[in-house]
N, C-alpha and C. Protein backbone atom coordinates (compact mmCIF):
# COMPACT_ATOMS: atom_id res chain seq x y z
N MET A 1 0.87 -1.27 0.05
CA MET A 1 -0.07 -0.03 0.09
C MET A 1 0.82 1.27 0.06
N ALA A 2 2.00 1.35 0.67
CA ALA A 2 2.85 2.37 0.81
C ALA A 2 3.26 2.62 -0.54
N THR A 3 3.74 1.66 -1.33
CA THR A 3 4.17 1.84 -2.71
C THR A 3 3.03 2.52 -3.48
N LEU A 4 1.83 2.03 -3.55
CA LEU A 4 0.90 2.73 -4.27
C LEU A 4 0.61 4.37 -3.77
N LEU A 5 0.63 4.49 -2.48
CA LEU A 5 0.54 5.86 -1.87
C LEU A 5 1.62 6.69 -2.30
N SER A 6 2.75 6.06 -2.59
CA SER A 6 4.02 6.96 -2.97
C SER A 6 3.89 7.41 -4.55
N LEU A 7 3.04 6.64 -5.30
CA LEU A 7 2.87 7.11 -6.69
C LEU A 7 1.90 8.18 -6.89
N ALA A 8 1.21 8.24 -5.89
CA ALA A 8 0.19 9.37 -6.03
C ALA A 8 0.49 10.67 -5.35
N ILE A 9 -0.01 11.75 -5.75
CA ILE A 9 0.16 12.99 -5.04
C ILE A 9 -1.03 13.03 -3.91
N ILE A 10 -0.63 12.98 -2.80
CA ILE A 10 -1.64 12.84 -1.60
C ILE A 10 -1.27 14.17 -0.71
N THR A 11 -2.37 14.78 -0.38
CA THR A 11 -2.40 15.75 0.47
C THR A 11 -3.28 15.63 1.68
N ALA A 12 -2.92 15.75 2.82
CA ALA A 12 -4.02 15.63 3.92
C ALA A 12 -3.92 17.01 4.69
N VAL A 13 -5.14 17.16 5.16
CA VAL A 13 -5.36 18.45 5.82
C VAL A 13 -6.41 18.17 7.16
N THR A 14 -6.18 18.75 8.25
CA THR A 14 -7.14 18.74 9.09
C THR A 14 -7.69 20.19 9.29
N LEU A 15 -8.84 20.27 9.41
CA LEU A 15 -9.53 21.49 9.56
C LEU A 15 -10.48 21.40 10.85
N VAL A 16 -10.02 21.66 11.85
CA VAL A 16 -10.89 21.42 13.07
C VAL A 16 -11.00 22.96 13.68
N TYR A 17 -12.26 23.22 13.86
CA TYR A 17 -12.60 24.47 14.52
C TYR A 17 -13.31 24.49 15.82
N GLY A 18 -13.29 25.48 16.37
CA GLY A 18 -14.03 25.44 17.79
C GLY A 18 -13.15 25.83 18.98
N SER A 19 -13.70 25.93 20.05
CA SER A 19 -13.02 26.15 21.40
C SER A 19 -13.30 25.03 22.29
N ALA A 20 -12.72 25.21 23.39
CA ALA A 20 -12.83 24.10 24.43
C ALA A 20 -14.28 24.01 24.68
N ALA A 21 -15.08 25.15 24.76
CA ALA A 21 -16.50 25.06 25.06
C ALA A 21 -17.31 24.42 23.97
N SER A 22 -16.97 24.56 22.65
CA SER A 22 -17.70 23.97 21.67
C SER A 22 -17.12 22.56 21.25
N ALA A 23 -16.04 22.31 21.93
CA ALA A 23 -15.55 20.88 21.76
C ALA A 23 -16.38 19.88 22.52
N GLN A 24 -17.16 20.27 23.31
CA GLN A 24 -18.19 19.20 23.94
C GLN A 24 -19.12 18.78 23.04
N GLY A 25 -19.60 19.55 22.03
CA GLY A 25 -20.30 19.06 20.95
C GLY A 25 -21.78 18.69 21.40
N SER A 26 -22.55 18.13 20.44
CA SER A 26 -23.88 17.46 20.74
C SER A 26 -23.80 16.14 20.16
N ARG A 27 -24.56 15.27 20.78
CA ARG A 27 -24.90 13.88 20.06
C ARG A 27 -25.83 14.18 18.94
N LEU A 28 -25.46 13.43 17.93
CA LEU A 28 -26.37 13.59 16.67
C LEU A 28 -27.29 12.48 16.58
N PRO A 29 -28.53 12.69 15.88
CA PRO A 29 -29.34 11.55 15.75
C PRO A 29 -28.64 10.33 14.84
N ASN A 30 -29.42 9.29 14.80
CA ASN A 30 -29.14 8.22 14.00
C ASN A 30 -27.75 7.61 14.37
N ALA A 31 -27.18 7.75 15.52
CA ALA A 31 -25.80 7.21 15.83
C ALA A 31 -25.85 5.59 15.94
N ALA A 32 -26.98 5.04 15.92
CA ALA A 32 -26.93 3.54 16.01
C ALA A 32 -27.09 2.82 14.84
N ALA A 33 -27.06 3.55 13.72
CA ALA A 33 -27.33 2.94 12.41
C ALA A 33 -26.11 2.02 12.11
N ALA A 34 -26.29 0.77 11.45
CA ALA A 34 -25.18 0.03 11.14
C ALA A 34 -24.34 0.50 9.87
N PRO A 35 -23.16 0.56 10.11
CA PRO A 35 -22.43 1.09 8.95
C PRO A 35 -22.13 0.07 7.80
N SER A 36 -22.04 0.68 6.62
CA SER A 36 -21.88 -0.16 5.40
C SER A 36 -20.48 -0.68 5.38
N ASN A 37 -19.94 -1.42 4.40
CA ASN A 37 -18.65 -2.07 4.28
C ASN A 37 -17.72 -0.95 4.34
N ALA A 38 -17.58 -0.01 3.60
CA ALA A 38 -16.88 1.14 3.48
C ALA A 38 -16.77 1.86 4.84
N SER A 39 -17.89 2.16 5.35
CA SER A 39 -18.21 2.80 6.68
C SER A 39 -17.49 2.08 7.65
N GLN A 40 -17.60 0.72 7.71
CA GLN A 40 -16.88 -0.12 8.77
C GLN A 40 -15.49 -0.15 8.60
N GLU A 41 -14.81 -0.09 7.26
CA GLU A 41 -13.44 0.19 7.01
C GLU A 41 -12.86 1.41 7.64
N TYR A 42 -13.62 2.61 7.50
CA TYR A 42 -13.09 3.84 8.13
C TYR A 42 -13.35 3.68 9.48
N LEU A 43 -14.23 3.07 10.12
CA LEU A 43 -14.40 3.05 11.47
C LEU A 43 -13.38 2.07 12.04
N ASP A 44 -13.04 0.88 11.51
CA ASP A 44 -12.12 -0.01 12.03
C ASP A 44 -10.68 0.60 12.01
N ALA A 45 -10.37 1.32 10.84
CA ALA A 45 -9.02 1.99 10.75
C ALA A 45 -8.76 3.06 11.85
N HIS A 46 -9.85 3.80 12.00
CA HIS A 46 -9.71 4.84 13.19
C HIS A 46 -9.47 4.11 14.51
N ASN A 47 -10.37 3.04 14.75
CA ASN A 47 -10.46 2.45 16.08
C ASN A 47 -9.16 1.79 16.42
N GLN A 48 -8.54 1.20 15.44
CA GLN A 48 -7.22 0.58 15.53
C GLN A 48 -6.28 1.51 16.00
N ALA A 49 -6.17 2.78 15.41
CA ALA A 49 -5.25 3.79 15.81
C ALA A 49 -5.52 4.30 17.34
N ARG A 50 -6.89 4.35 17.51
CA ARG A 50 -7.14 4.96 18.74
C ARG A 50 -6.81 3.92 19.90
N ALA A 51 -6.80 2.51 19.78
CA ALA A 51 -6.65 1.56 20.70
C ALA A 51 -5.07 1.58 20.90
N GLN A 52 -4.19 1.95 19.98
CA GLN A 52 -2.92 1.96 20.15
C GLN A 52 -2.42 2.94 21.19
N VAL A 53 -3.17 3.86 21.41
CA VAL A 53 -3.09 5.06 22.42
C VAL A 53 -3.94 4.95 23.51
N GLY A 54 -4.75 3.79 23.55
CA GLY A 54 -5.66 3.70 24.72
C GLY A 54 -6.89 4.68 24.80
N VAL A 55 -7.43 5.02 23.54
CA VAL A 55 -8.54 5.81 23.46
C VAL A 55 -9.78 5.02 23.12
N SER A 56 -10.87 5.25 23.62
CA SER A 56 -12.09 4.45 23.33
C SER A 56 -12.44 4.60 21.89
N PRO A 57 -13.13 3.63 21.32
CA PRO A 57 -13.38 3.52 20.02
C PRO A 57 -14.48 4.61 19.63
N LEU A 58 -14.46 5.05 18.44
CA LEU A 58 -15.58 5.97 17.89
C LEU A 58 -16.80 5.06 17.50
N LYS A 59 -17.87 5.73 17.28
CA LYS A 59 -19.01 5.21 16.89
C LYS A 59 -19.37 5.64 15.48
N TRP A 60 -19.98 5.03 14.56
CA TRP A 60 -20.40 5.58 13.32
C TRP A 60 -21.65 6.27 13.40
N ASN A 61 -21.83 7.36 12.74
CA ASN A 61 -22.89 8.36 12.88
C ASN A 61 -23.31 8.60 11.34
N GLU A 62 -24.53 8.08 10.99
CA GLU A 62 -25.17 8.31 9.64
C GLU A 62 -25.24 9.83 9.48
N SER A 63 -25.64 10.73 10.30
CA SER A 63 -25.78 12.09 10.08
C SER A 63 -24.46 12.82 9.60
N LEU A 64 -23.37 12.37 10.41
CA LEU A 64 -22.08 12.87 10.05
C LEU A 64 -21.54 12.37 8.72
N ALA A 65 -22.02 11.06 8.41
CA ALA A 65 -21.55 10.51 7.03
C ALA A 65 -22.40 11.24 5.88
N LYS A 66 -23.50 11.51 6.12
CA LYS A 66 -24.33 12.23 5.13
C LYS A 66 -23.83 13.68 5.00
N ALA A 67 -23.31 14.25 6.05
CA ALA A 67 -22.72 15.62 5.88
C ALA A 67 -21.50 15.58 5.10
N ALA A 68 -20.79 14.52 5.44
CA ALA A 68 -19.29 14.17 4.64
C ALA A 68 -19.78 14.19 3.19
N SER A 69 -20.67 13.25 2.91
CA SER A 69 -21.10 12.90 1.47
C SER A 69 -21.50 14.08 0.74
N LEU A 70 -22.41 15.07 1.43
CA LEU A 70 -22.86 16.23 0.97
C LEU A 70 -21.51 17.08 0.40
N GLN A 71 -20.74 17.28 1.35
CA GLN A 71 -19.47 18.06 1.36
C GLN A 71 -18.57 17.61 0.21
N THR A 72 -18.33 16.27 0.04
CA THR A 72 -17.45 15.80 -0.95
C THR A 72 -18.04 15.81 -2.25
N ARG A 73 -19.32 15.72 -2.40
CA ARG A 73 -20.17 15.70 -3.66
C ARG A 73 -20.08 17.24 -4.18
N TYR A 74 -20.23 18.21 -3.21
CA TYR A 74 -20.22 19.61 -3.56
C TYR A 74 -18.75 19.93 -4.16
N GLN A 75 -17.75 19.47 -3.23
CA GLN A 75 -16.44 19.63 -3.72
C GLN A 75 -16.10 19.17 -5.18
N ARG A 76 -16.72 18.09 -5.30
CA ARG A 76 -16.49 17.50 -6.72
C ARG A 76 -17.18 18.20 -7.82
N ASP A 77 -18.57 18.41 -7.47
CA ASP A 77 -19.41 19.01 -8.50
C ASP A 77 -19.28 20.65 -8.71
N ARG A 78 -18.94 21.16 -7.75
CA ARG A 78 -18.93 22.72 -7.86
C ARG A 78 -17.56 23.27 -7.60
N GLN A 79 -16.60 22.58 -6.90
CA GLN A 79 -15.18 23.36 -6.63
C GLN A 79 -14.07 22.56 -7.22
N ASN A 80 -14.38 21.84 -8.28
CA ASN A 80 -13.17 21.22 -9.09
C ASN A 80 -12.52 20.24 -8.27
N CYS A 81 -13.13 19.60 -7.24
CA CYS A 81 -12.68 18.60 -6.42
C CYS A 81 -11.56 19.08 -5.57
N SER A 82 -11.65 20.43 -5.11
CA SER A 82 -10.53 20.98 -4.23
C SER A 82 -10.97 20.68 -2.81
N PHE A 83 -9.94 21.02 -1.89
CA PHE A 83 -10.39 21.01 -0.44
C PHE A 83 -11.55 21.72 -0.07
N ALA A 84 -12.28 21.22 0.86
CA ALA A 84 -13.39 22.03 1.43
C ALA A 84 -13.02 23.00 2.42
N ASN A 85 -13.61 24.28 2.52
CA ASN A 85 -13.39 25.21 3.42
C ASN A 85 -14.42 24.95 4.62
N LEU A 86 -13.72 24.30 5.61
CA LEU A 86 -14.74 23.70 6.82
C LEU A 86 -14.71 24.70 7.95
N SER A 87 -14.45 25.93 7.66
CA SER A 87 -14.24 27.03 8.61
C SER A 87 -15.56 27.25 9.59
N ASN A 88 -16.82 27.09 8.90
CA ASN A 88 -17.88 27.22 9.62
C ASN A 88 -18.52 25.98 10.10
N SER A 89 -17.96 24.88 9.99
CA SER A 89 -18.39 23.49 10.48
C SER A 89 -18.31 23.41 11.83
N LYS A 90 -19.19 22.78 12.55
CA LYS A 90 -19.41 22.55 13.96
C LYS A 90 -18.73 21.12 14.33
N TYR A 91 -18.13 20.49 13.24
CA TYR A 91 -17.46 19.24 13.51
C TYR A 91 -15.85 19.47 13.25
N GLY A 92 -15.19 18.43 13.81
CA GLY A 92 -13.77 18.21 13.36
C GLY A 92 -13.85 17.60 12.03
N GLY A 93 -12.74 17.73 11.24
CA GLY A 93 -12.62 17.32 9.88
C GLY A 93 -11.23 17.03 9.34
N ASN A 94 -11.21 15.84 8.85
CA ASN A 94 -9.86 15.52 8.05
C ASN A 94 -10.18 15.30 6.64
N GLN A 95 -9.23 15.62 5.69
CA GLN A 95 -9.57 15.52 4.34
C GLN A 95 -8.33 15.03 3.58
N LEU A 96 -8.52 14.29 2.58
CA LEU A 96 -7.33 13.70 1.82
C LEU A 96 -7.74 13.87 0.31
N TRP A 97 -6.83 14.39 -0.28
CA TRP A 97 -7.11 14.45 -1.88
C TRP A 97 -6.00 13.53 -2.34
N ALA A 98 -6.36 12.79 -3.39
CA ALA A 98 -5.41 11.72 -3.90
C ALA A 98 -5.56 11.73 -5.47
N GLY A 99 -4.49 11.85 -6.13
CA GLY A 99 -4.54 11.83 -7.51
C GLY A 99 -3.76 10.53 -8.03
N GLY A 100 -4.44 10.02 -9.22
CA GLY A 100 -3.65 8.83 -9.81
C GLY A 100 -3.94 7.58 -9.32
N ILE A 101 -4.52 7.36 -8.20
CA ILE A 101 -4.85 6.02 -7.66
C ILE A 101 -6.24 6.02 -6.91
N GLU A 102 -6.76 4.88 -6.68
CA GLU A 102 -8.02 4.90 -6.01
C GLU A 102 -7.57 4.66 -4.49
N VAL A 103 -8.18 5.29 -3.55
CA VAL A 103 -7.60 5.20 -2.22
C VAL A 103 -8.87 4.64 -1.53
N THR A 104 -8.59 3.58 -0.66
CA THR A 104 -9.53 2.83 0.13
C THR A 104 -9.81 3.59 1.42
N PRO A 105 -10.97 3.30 2.02
CA PRO A 105 -11.09 4.05 3.35
C PRO A 105 -9.96 3.71 4.22
N ARG A 106 -9.32 2.54 4.48
CA ARG A 106 -8.25 2.12 5.33
C ARG A 106 -6.94 3.06 4.85
N ALA A 107 -6.84 3.07 3.53
CA ALA A 107 -5.56 3.79 3.21
C ALA A 107 -5.76 5.28 3.44
N ALA A 108 -6.80 5.90 3.58
CA ALA A 108 -7.10 7.25 3.72
C ALA A 108 -6.62 7.52 5.14
N VAL A 109 -7.19 6.72 6.12
CA VAL A 109 -7.07 6.82 7.49
C VAL A 109 -5.48 6.53 7.88
N GLU A 110 -5.03 5.56 7.21
CA GLU A 110 -3.61 5.19 7.24
C GLU A 110 -2.60 6.31 7.14
N ASN A 111 -3.07 7.09 6.06
CA ASN A 111 -2.31 8.29 5.63
C ASN A 111 -2.26 9.37 6.70
N TRP A 112 -3.51 9.54 7.36
CA TRP A 112 -3.48 10.30 8.37
C TRP A 112 -2.74 9.95 9.66
N VAL A 113 -2.77 8.73 10.02
CA VAL A 113 -2.12 7.99 11.09
C VAL A 113 -0.58 8.09 10.84
N ALA A 114 -0.15 8.22 9.62
CA ALA A 114 1.21 8.04 9.43
C ALA A 114 2.03 9.39 10.00
N GLU A 115 1.24 10.35 10.24
CA GLU A 115 1.81 11.74 10.95
C GLU A 115 2.14 11.44 12.47
N LYS A 116 1.79 10.14 12.91
CA LYS A 116 2.07 9.86 14.24
C LYS A 116 3.70 10.10 14.52
N LYS A 117 4.46 9.59 13.62
CA LYS A 117 5.86 9.67 13.76
C LYS A 117 6.32 11.09 14.00
N PHE A 118 5.68 12.10 13.65
CA PHE A 118 6.25 13.50 13.71
C PHE A 118 5.59 14.13 15.01
N TYR A 119 4.67 13.39 15.78
CA TYR A 119 3.98 13.92 16.96
C TYR A 119 4.81 13.59 18.11
N ASP A 120 5.15 14.66 18.96
CA ASP A 120 5.88 14.52 20.35
C ASP A 120 4.89 14.62 21.45
N TYR A 121 4.56 13.51 21.90
CA TYR A 121 3.34 13.58 23.00
C TYR A 121 3.92 14.33 24.20
N ALA A 122 5.07 14.19 24.70
CA ALA A 122 5.71 15.00 25.83
C ALA A 122 5.47 16.51 25.82
N ASN A 123 5.72 16.94 24.60
CA ASN A 123 5.64 18.44 24.38
C ASN A 123 4.31 18.79 23.64
N ASN A 124 3.47 17.72 23.38
CA ASN A 124 2.19 18.11 22.75
C ASN A 124 2.47 18.98 21.39
N SER A 125 3.38 18.52 20.78
CA SER A 125 3.78 19.32 19.40
C SER A 125 4.24 18.43 18.40
N CYS A 126 4.40 19.02 17.07
CA CYS A 126 4.86 18.35 15.98
C CYS A 126 6.25 18.74 15.68
N ALA A 127 7.08 17.75 15.08
CA ALA A 127 8.26 18.08 14.54
C ALA A 127 8.31 19.24 13.51
N PRO A 128 9.31 20.03 13.72
CA PRO A 128 9.53 21.24 12.64
C PRO A 128 9.25 20.89 11.32
N ASP A 129 8.50 21.75 10.52
CA ASP A 129 8.20 21.37 9.10
C ASP A 129 7.56 20.33 8.70
N HIS A 130 6.59 19.78 9.90
CA HIS A 130 5.57 18.60 9.56
C HIS A 130 4.21 19.12 10.24
N HIS A 131 3.37 18.22 9.94
CA HIS A 131 2.10 18.57 10.40
C HIS A 131 1.52 17.38 11.18
N CYS A 132 0.77 17.52 12.18
CA CYS A 132 0.25 16.32 13.08
C CYS A 132 -1.31 16.46 13.30
N GLY A 133 -1.72 17.44 12.88
CA GLY A 133 -3.36 17.61 13.11
C GLY A 133 -4.18 16.73 12.64
N VAL A 134 -3.98 15.99 11.41
CA VAL A 134 -4.87 15.02 11.07
C VAL A 134 -4.68 13.72 11.91
N TYR A 135 -3.60 13.51 12.28
CA TYR A 135 -3.30 12.29 13.38
C TYR A 135 -4.08 12.65 14.67
N THR A 136 -3.84 13.76 15.16
CA THR A 136 -4.37 14.04 16.49
C THR A 136 -5.88 14.01 16.41
N GLN A 137 -6.45 14.47 15.27
CA GLN A 137 -7.92 14.42 15.16
C GLN A 137 -8.37 12.91 15.20
N VAL A 138 -7.78 12.01 14.46
CA VAL A 138 -8.05 10.64 14.53
C VAL A 138 -8.17 10.02 15.94
N VAL A 139 -7.18 10.38 16.76
CA VAL A 139 -7.01 9.77 18.18
C VAL A 139 -7.60 10.73 19.22
N TRP A 140 -8.20 11.75 18.93
CA TRP A 140 -8.79 12.65 19.92
C TRP A 140 -9.71 12.01 20.81
N ARG A 141 -9.33 11.99 22.10
CA ARG A 141 -10.08 11.25 23.00
C ARG A 141 -11.57 11.76 23.36
N ASN A 142 -11.90 12.92 23.10
CA ASN A 142 -13.24 13.41 23.36
C ASN A 142 -14.12 13.40 22.11
N SER A 143 -13.62 12.96 21.09
CA SER A 143 -14.15 12.74 19.86
C SER A 143 -14.93 11.47 20.17
N LEU A 144 -16.27 11.31 19.83
CA LEU A 144 -17.14 10.10 20.04
C LEU A 144 -17.67 9.36 18.85
N GLU A 145 -17.91 10.24 17.72
CA GLU A 145 -18.76 9.75 16.64
C GLU A 145 -17.76 10.14 15.31
N LEU A 146 -18.06 9.38 14.20
CA LEU A 146 -17.34 9.58 12.97
C LEU A 146 -18.41 9.24 11.88
N GLY A 147 -18.05 10.06 10.92
CA GLY A 147 -18.69 10.00 9.49
C GLY A 147 -18.02 10.32 8.42
N CYS A 148 -17.77 9.56 7.42
CA CYS A 148 -16.93 9.66 6.41
C CYS A 148 -17.65 9.49 4.90
N ALA A 149 -17.00 10.22 3.88
CA ALA A 149 -17.43 9.86 2.56
C ALA A 149 -16.20 10.30 1.65
N GLN A 150 -16.33 9.65 0.43
CA GLN A 150 -15.44 10.02 -0.60
C GLN A 150 -16.05 10.20 -1.95
N ALA A 151 -15.49 11.23 -2.63
CA ALA A 151 -16.02 11.59 -4.04
C ALA A 151 -14.97 11.30 -5.04
N LYS A 152 -15.27 10.52 -5.98
CA LYS A 152 -14.18 10.26 -7.13
C LYS A 152 -14.42 11.55 -8.27
N CYS A 153 -13.41 12.00 -8.58
CA CYS A 153 -13.36 13.11 -9.54
C CYS A 153 -12.69 12.71 -10.86
N PRO A 154 -13.48 12.33 -11.76
CA PRO A 154 -13.03 11.61 -13.01
C PRO A 154 -12.18 12.68 -13.86
N LYS A 155 -12.69 13.90 -13.84
CA LYS A 155 -11.94 14.99 -14.62
C LYS A 155 -10.43 15.18 -14.23
N GLN A 156 -10.27 15.10 -12.85
CA GLN A 156 -8.99 15.20 -12.38
C GLN A 156 -8.34 13.85 -12.02
N LEU A 157 -8.99 12.86 -12.39
CA LEU A 157 -8.42 11.49 -11.98
C LEU A 157 -7.88 11.52 -10.62
N SER A 158 -8.84 11.95 -9.69
CA SER A 158 -8.54 12.08 -8.28
C SER A 158 -9.58 11.60 -7.39
N SER A 159 -9.54 11.79 -6.14
CA SER A 159 -10.74 11.64 -5.13
C SER A 159 -10.44 12.46 -4.07
N LEU A 160 -11.51 12.72 -3.40
CA LEU A 160 -11.50 13.58 -2.19
C LEU A 160 -12.29 12.81 -1.08
N THR A 161 -11.60 12.56 0.04
CA THR A 161 -12.09 11.84 1.16
C THR A 161 -12.15 12.84 2.34
N ILE A 162 -13.40 12.81 3.03
CA ILE A 162 -13.58 13.78 4.34
C ILE A 162 -14.30 12.85 5.17
N CYS A 163 -13.65 13.20 6.45
CA CYS A 163 -14.20 12.50 7.57
C CYS A 163 -14.59 13.63 8.75
N PHE A 164 -15.80 13.57 9.13
CA PHE A 164 -16.13 14.39 10.26
C PHE A 164 -16.19 13.75 11.62
N TYR A 165 -15.89 14.42 12.61
CA TYR A 165 -15.75 14.00 14.09
C TYR A 165 -16.63 14.77 15.01
N ASN A 166 -17.43 14.21 15.79
CA ASN A 166 -18.17 14.89 16.80
C ASN A 166 -17.87 14.36 18.00
N PRO A 167 -17.69 15.13 19.16
CA PRO A 167 -17.30 16.64 19.06
C PRO A 167 -15.79 16.75 18.40
N PRO A 168 -15.68 17.89 17.97
CA PRO A 168 -14.23 18.16 17.29
C PRO A 168 -13.06 18.07 18.19
N GLY A 169 -11.88 17.76 17.58
CA GLY A 169 -10.71 17.58 18.47
C GLY A 169 -9.74 18.77 18.18
N ASN A 170 -8.51 18.64 18.61
CA ASN A 170 -7.49 19.51 18.35
C ASN A 170 -7.69 20.94 19.06
N VAL A 171 -8.29 20.73 20.24
CA VAL A 171 -8.42 22.04 21.08
C VAL A 171 -7.14 22.52 21.53
N VAL A 172 -6.67 23.83 21.32
CA VAL A 172 -5.44 24.29 21.67
C VAL A 172 -5.16 24.20 23.18
N GLY A 173 -4.05 23.68 23.38
CA GLY A 173 -3.54 23.52 24.80
C GLY A 173 -3.89 22.16 25.34
N GLU A 174 -4.71 21.34 24.81
CA GLU A 174 -5.10 20.07 25.23
C GLU A 174 -4.18 19.02 24.47
N LYS A 175 -3.98 17.90 25.13
CA LYS A 175 -3.34 16.61 24.51
C LYS A 175 -4.60 15.88 23.98
N PRO A 176 -4.28 15.21 22.75
CA PRO A 176 -5.24 14.39 22.22
C PRO A 176 -5.72 13.25 22.98
N TYR A 177 -4.89 12.62 23.84
CA TYR A 177 -5.18 11.55 24.59
C TYR A 177 -4.30 11.65 25.84
N LEU A 178 -4.52 10.69 26.89
CA LEU A 178 -3.74 10.97 28.06
C LEU A 178 -2.96 9.69 28.49
N MET A 179 -1.72 9.78 28.70
CA MET A 179 -0.90 8.64 29.06
C MET A 179 -1.00 8.50 30.70
N GLU A 180 -0.48 7.40 31.12
CA GLU A 180 -0.38 7.08 32.66
C GLU A 180 0.20 8.19 33.43
N GLU A 181 1.30 8.71 32.93
CA GLU A 181 2.14 9.80 33.51
C GLU A 181 1.16 11.19 33.73
N ASP A 182 0.09 11.29 32.96
CA ASP A 182 -0.64 12.43 32.99
C ASP A 182 -1.85 12.38 34.16
N TYR A 183 -2.10 11.32 34.65
CA TYR A 183 -2.86 11.13 35.80
C TYR A 183 -2.45 11.50 37.11
N GLN A 184 -3.22 12.17 37.79
CA GLN A 184 -2.77 12.63 39.04
C GLN A 184 -3.51 11.69 40.16
N PHE A 185 -2.72 11.03 40.91
CA PHE A 185 -3.32 10.07 41.88
C PHE A 185 -2.96 10.61 43.28
N PRO A 186 -4.01 10.51 44.24
CA PRO A 186 -3.88 11.02 45.53
C PRO A 186 -2.89 10.42 46.35
């Protein structure tokens, strides 16, 4: 898979907005719907990364998936398959644009998780000249729900994948997950 990904032009971006207050978010309806095969693949890949750092699993949310689907189709049909501007979104969001290859749900998530190697947990920071925001959103401990979609863009021979998270992550000054050394015991 890494060989295939290296042949494509891949860009990942996290666009998470909100404050610590809005990070609490609200539960969305339809959270109990059973995910499809692609949905399950997004969910499994996310939850595997979360388990590695001791974070509880996400649950699939059809309302978030519908919002992601609407956004990816809008980007494909009206915005030439470019990244979405999620600045007004109440959800956390990760995006992946890929050209030249088809990207599976697992490959999209693995691309975001690949940023883990640049994340310094002790300092809650990213290595110079690297980004870690898409990784930290994947493993954000307070995010509870996930919904993802992908649009194929035939004109550009590309695809755009978007995942939404509720509540959003990447709250400034907070760590995405807690390690044993972070717990205060009496």
